[in-house]
Structure formats: structure tokens, C-alpha cells
Protein backbone atom coordinates (compact mmCIF):
# COMPACT_ATOMS: atom_id res chain seq x y z
CA MET A 1 3.39 7.01 21.69
CA PRO A 2 3.11 3.29 20.91
CA THR A 3 -0.33 1.76 21.38
CA ALA A 4 -1.84 -1.62 20.67
CA ALA A 5 -4.06 -0.06 18.01
CA LYS A 6 -1.04 1.31 16.16
CA LEU A 7 0.68 -2.07 16.28
CA VAL A 8 -2.42 -3.94 15.09
CA ALA A 9 -2.98 -1.39 12.30
CA ALA A 10 0.66 -1.66 11.24
CA LEU A 11 0.58 -5.47 11.18
CA CYS A 12 -2.75 -5.59 9.34
CA LEU A 13 -1.69 -3.12 6.66
CA ALA A 14 1.68 -4.87 6.29
CA ALA A 15 -0.13 -8.17 5.74
CA LEU A 16 -2.47 -6.50 3.25
CA GLY A 17 0.45 -4.96 1.35
CA PHE A 18 2.22 -8.30 1.19
CA ALA A 19 -0.91 -10.22 0.14
CA VAL A 20 -1.85 -7.74 -2.59
CA SER A 21 1.72 -7.79 -3.88
CA GLU A 22 1.63 -11.56 -4.15
CA VAL A 23 -1.68 -11.44 -6.04
CA ILE A 24 -0.30 -8.78 -8.40
CA LYS A 25 2.67 -11.06 -9.12
CA THR A 26 0.29 -13.75 -10.35
CA ILE A 27 -1.46 -11.31 -12.70
CA LEU A 28 1.63 -9.90 -14.39
CA PRO A 29 3.91 -11.89 -16.72
CA ALA A 30 6.29 -14.33 -15.05
CA SER A 31 9.24 -12.80 -16.91
CA ILE A 32 9.18 -9.70 -14.67
CA ASP A 33 11.83 -9.60 -11.95
CA PHE A 34 9.96 -8.32 -8.91
CA GLY A 35 12.92 -8.26 -6.52
CA ALA A 36 11.81 -7.13 -3.07
CA PHE A 37 8.42 -5.94 -4.34
CA SER A 38 6.35 -7.73 -1.69
CA LEU A 39 8.68 -6.87 1.17
CA VAL A 40 8.83 -3.19 0.22
CA ASN A 41 5.05 -3.01 0.10
CA ALA A 42 4.75 -4.86 3.42
CA ALA A 43 7.19 -2.43 5.05
CA LEU A 44 5.28 0.47 3.56
CA GLY A 45 2.05 -1.02 4.91
CA PHE A 46 3.59 -1.30 8.37
CA VAL A 47 4.64 2.35 8.40
CA LEU A 48 1.34 3.61 6.99
CA GLY A 49 -0.68 1.43 9.36
CA TRP A 50 1.19 2.88 12.31
CA VAL A 51 1.07 6.48 11.14
CA VAL A 52 -2.22 6.75 9.25
CA MET A 53 -4.55 4.18 10.78
CA GLY A 54 -3.19 3.83 14.30
CA LYS A 55 -3.74 7.41 15.35
CA ARG A 56 -7.35 7.40 14.05
CA ALA A 57 -8.44 4.36 16.07
CA GLY A 58 -11.03 4.47 18.84
CA ARG A 59 -13.80 6.45 17.15
CA GLY A 60 -16.40 3.71 16.61
CA MET A 61 -17.08 0.99 14.07
CA SER A 62 -18.33 3.19 11.24
CA ALA A 63 -15.22 5.32 11.58
CA ALA A 64 -13.17 2.11 11.70
CA ILE A 65 -14.37 1.11 8.24
CA SER A 66 -13.49 4.57 6.93
CA ASN A 67 -10.14 4.29 8.67
CA GLY A 68 -9.52 0.97 6.93
CA PHE A 69 -10.38 2.49 3.54
CA THR A 70 -8.11 5.45 4.26
CA GLY A 71 -5.21 3.18 5.19
CA MET A 72 -5.79 1.02 2.12
CA ALA A 73 -5.94 4.05 -0.17
CA ALA A 74 -2.75 5.47 1.36
CA LEU A 75 -1.06 2.10 0.85
CA VAL A 76 -2.07 1.98 -2.81
CA LEU A 77 -1.05 5.57 -3.56
CA TRP A 78 2.28 5.42 -1.73
CA GLY A 79 2.98 1.96 -3.16
CA LEU A 80 2.36 3.20 -6.69
CA PHE A 81 4.58 6.21 -6.03
CA ILE A 82 7.47 4.21 -4.57
CA GLN A 83 7.32 1.60 -7.32
CA GLY A 84 7.07 4.40 -9.92
CA VAL A 85 10.15 6.13 -8.51
CA ASN A 86 12.00 2.81 -8.48
CA GLU A 87 11.16 2.17 -12.13
CA MET A 88 12.04 5.74 -13.10
CA VAL A 89 15.45 5.44 -11.43
CA ASP A 90 16.09 2.19 -13.32
CA LEU A 91 15.14 3.86 -16.59
CA ALA A 92 17.17 6.98 -15.73
CA MET A 93 20.26 4.84 -15.16
CA SER A 94 19.73 3.53 -18.69
CA ARG A 95 19.72 7.15 -19.90
CA ARG A 96 16.13 7.05 -21.14
CA TYR A 97 15.37 10.64 -20.14
CA ASP A 98 16.75 13.89 -21.56
CA GLY A 99 16.45 15.82 -18.32
CA PRO A 100 15.28 15.77 -14.71
CA PHE A 101 11.85 17.22 -15.48
CA GLU A 102 11.14 14.46 -17.99
CA ALA A 103 12.14 11.90 -15.37
CA LEU A 104 9.83 13.44 -12.77
CA VAL A 105 6.90 13.44 -15.20
CA ALA A 106 7.66 9.81 -16.00
CA ILE A 107 7.03 8.86 -12.36
CA PHE A 108 3.37 9.78 -12.72
CA GLN A 109 3.10 8.10 -16.11
CA ILE A 110 4.53 4.92 -14.62
CA MET A 111 2.15 5.21 -11.65
CA THR A 112 -0.77 5.44 -14.05
CA ASP A 113 0.42 2.38 -15.97
CA TYR A 114 0.81 0.38 -12.76
CA ALA A 115 -2.63 1.50 -11.52
CA GLY A 116 -4.13 0.24 -14.76
CA GLN A 117 -2.48 -3.13 -14.24
CA MET A 118 -3.99 -3.28 -10.74
CA LEU A 119 -7.53 -3.03 -12.12
CA ASP A 120 -8.25 -6.69 -11.56
CA LEU A 121 -11.21 -8.06 -9.61
CA LYS A 122 -9.01 -10.14 -7.30
CA VAL A 123 -6.80 -7.17 -6.41
CA ILE A 124 -9.68 -4.75 -5.89
CA THR A 125 -11.65 -7.25 -3.79
CA LEU A 126 -8.62 -8.04 -1.66
CA LEU A 127 -7.93 -4.35 -1.11
CA LEU A 128 -11.52 -3.52 -0.14
CA VAL A 129 -12.05 -6.51 2.14
CA GLY A 130 -8.56 -6.22 3.62
CA GLY A 131 -9.06 -2.52 4.31
CA ILE A 132 -12.32 -3.18 6.14
CA ILE A 133 -10.80 -6.01 8.18
CA ALA A 134 -7.75 -3.90 9.05
CA GLY A 135 -9.97 -1.03 10.19
CA VAL A 136 -12.21 -3.24 12.31
CA LEU A 137 -9.29 -5.10 13.92
CA THR A 138 -7.62 -1.79 14.70
CA GLU A 139 -10.81 -0.52 16.32
CA ILE A 140 -11.17 -3.70 18.38
CA ALA A 141 -7.57 -3.32 19.57
CA ALA A 142 -8.18 0.32 20.47
CA LYS A 143 -11.25 -0.56 22.53
CA ARG A 144 -9.75 -3.63 24.18
CA TRP A 145 -6.26 -2.35 25.08
CA ARG A 146 -6.33 1.25 26.17
């Protein structure tokens, strides 16, 4: 059932996904073609905000901060997975893998590489602060619009 808290959570996590994607673009080399990187992560943030954070709203401010961290962590993990699958498919189309199992293992290797590239102070700070803000705004929406 749609609620204001779910909508606020979805919009906050979508904004966080987009903002973090834009910061990541500035860290990595300019020669990389990102395509719809930011939009994919924003859409993922919208879905995860609605599903993960929205249904956990209304439990108090300390739970709201935990809810924000949970939504942020889900966004990072699912974002890494989706981008890893995308990269694996690109490499598989270039016939870089000998079989399907090697391609599946490569997803997690790619995820690990991307996670290492995300270990930047700007990205981590934005994720932590954005997660807290998203959780608090979701809680405020849950309390205000029941």
C-alpha cells in the first residue's frame, strides 16, 4: 500500500544513488563511458527506498538512522551487483569467459573491484550522511502523514 513514508524514502534513496554516482564519475578516469550509470542507480535507489526503507518507517528516530543505513547498504550492494552483471555481460559478449560458471564468478570479482574503487572519503561520507538524512526524512514523513 502506498504511503508518504515509502514515497519519501524512494525519492531520498534515488537522490542518494544519483549523487553518489555523479561523485564516483569524478573519481574514475574520464575515458570511461558510464552510459546510464547514474540513472540506473537512481532507479535502483527509488525501488529500494520504497521496498526496504518505506516499510520500516514509523519506529522512532534511532530506528530511522538504522533504517537509513540499511537502505544505503542495500543500495550499495545491489548497485555493485547490477553494475557487476552489466560489466560481466559486456565481457561475455566479447567471449572473455570459457563457460557460464567462470562468468558467474567474474560478477563477484568485478563487484570487489568496483567496491575498492568506491573507497574514497567523498563517496563514503556522502553515503553515510545521505543514509542518515534519508532515514530521518522518511521517519518524519511517517509521523507527519499517517
